[in-house]
Structures are given as structure tokens and as C-alpha cells.
Amino acid sequence: MTPKEYQLLELFLRNNGHVLSRHQIIDHLWSSIDPPGQDTVKVHIQGKNREIG
């Protein structure tokens, strides 16, 4: 698990039961100086879904 994947998992666990938008995820996990595109978040989530499922 990469550090970013760990941060994503931690964010989901801390917000259990809440729906987070891609924008909210980006705000929590990346700096405002160089935020990724929304597709980056999608790729990270899809990777975690493949590991779990």
C-alpha cells in the first residue's frame, strides 16, 4: 500500500457513513499548491476496490 492509498483509507475510516466528493478528498489528501486532477482520485479508489473485492 502506498502512502497516498493509506491516507485515502484513513480518510474513509474517519468519515465512515459520510459520502465524500472527489473535491473533498483532494482537499484532504493533496496540497493546494499542486492538486491532482479528479481522475487521479478515481484511479486510487478503483485500485483499493480491486484489492478489497
Protein backbone atom coordinates (compact mmCIF):
# COMPACT_ATOMS: atom_id res chain seq x y z
CA MET A 1 0.00 0.00 0.00
CA THR A 2 1.39 3.36 -0.98
CA PRO A 3 1.39 6.28 1.47
CA LYS A 4 -1.37 8.00 -0.54
CA GLU A 5 -3.50 4.82 -0.51
CA TYR A 6 -3.03 4.61 3.25
CA GLN A 7 -4.12 8.25 3.64
CA LEU A 8 -7.17 7.55 1.48
CA LEU A 9 -8.12 4.52 3.57
CA GLU A 10 -7.63 6.51 6.78
CA LEU A 11 -9.82 9.33 5.42
CA PHE A 12 -12.60 6.85 4.60
CA LEU A 13 -12.38 5.22 8.01
CA ARG A 14 -12.50 8.58 9.80
CA ASN A 15 -15.55 9.57 7.75
CA ASN A 16 -17.41 6.28 7.95
CA GLY A 17 -21.01 6.73 6.90
CA HIS A 18 -20.33 10.00 5.06
CA VAL A 19 -20.12 10.46 1.32
CA LEU A 20 -17.07 12.46 0.28
CA SER A 21 -16.86 14.19 -3.08
CA ARG A 22 -13.70 13.97 -5.15
CA HIS A 23 -13.12 17.64 -4.39
CA GLN A 24 -13.27 16.95 -0.62
CA ILE A 25 -10.87 14.02 -0.99
CA ILE A 26 -8.42 16.16 -2.97
CA ASP A 27 -8.63 18.92 -0.34
CA HIS A 28 -7.79 16.45 2.43
CA LEU A 29 -5.02 14.46 0.76
CA TRP A 30 -3.14 16.83 -1.52
CA SER A 31 -1.64 20.27 -1.09
CA SER A 32 -3.44 23.20 -2.63
CA ILE A 33 -0.24 24.12 -4.46
CA ASP A 34 -0.26 21.11 -6.78
CA PRO A 35 -3.60 19.27 -6.57
CA PRO A 36 -4.18 16.32 -8.91
CA GLY A 37 -6.96 16.00 -11.42
CA GLN A 38 -10.16 14.34 -10.30
CA ASP A 39 -9.27 11.26 -12.38
CA THR A 40 -6.34 10.65 -10.02
CA VAL A 41 -8.77 10.17 -7.13
CA LYS A 42 -10.85 7.79 -9.25
CA VAL A 43 -7.77 5.67 -10.05
CA HIS A 44 -6.78 5.42 -6.37
CA ILE A 45 -10.29 4.38 -5.36
CA GLN A 46 -10.56 1.81 -8.14
CA GLY A 47 -7.23 0.33 -7.05
CA LYS A 48 -8.49 -0.06 -3.47
CA ASN A 49 -11.76 -1.61 -4.70
CA ARG A 50 -9.81 -4.25 -6.67
CA GLU A 51 -7.76 -5.14 -3.57
CA ILE A 52 -10.85 -5.46 -1.37
CA GLY A 53 -13.17 -7.17 -3.85
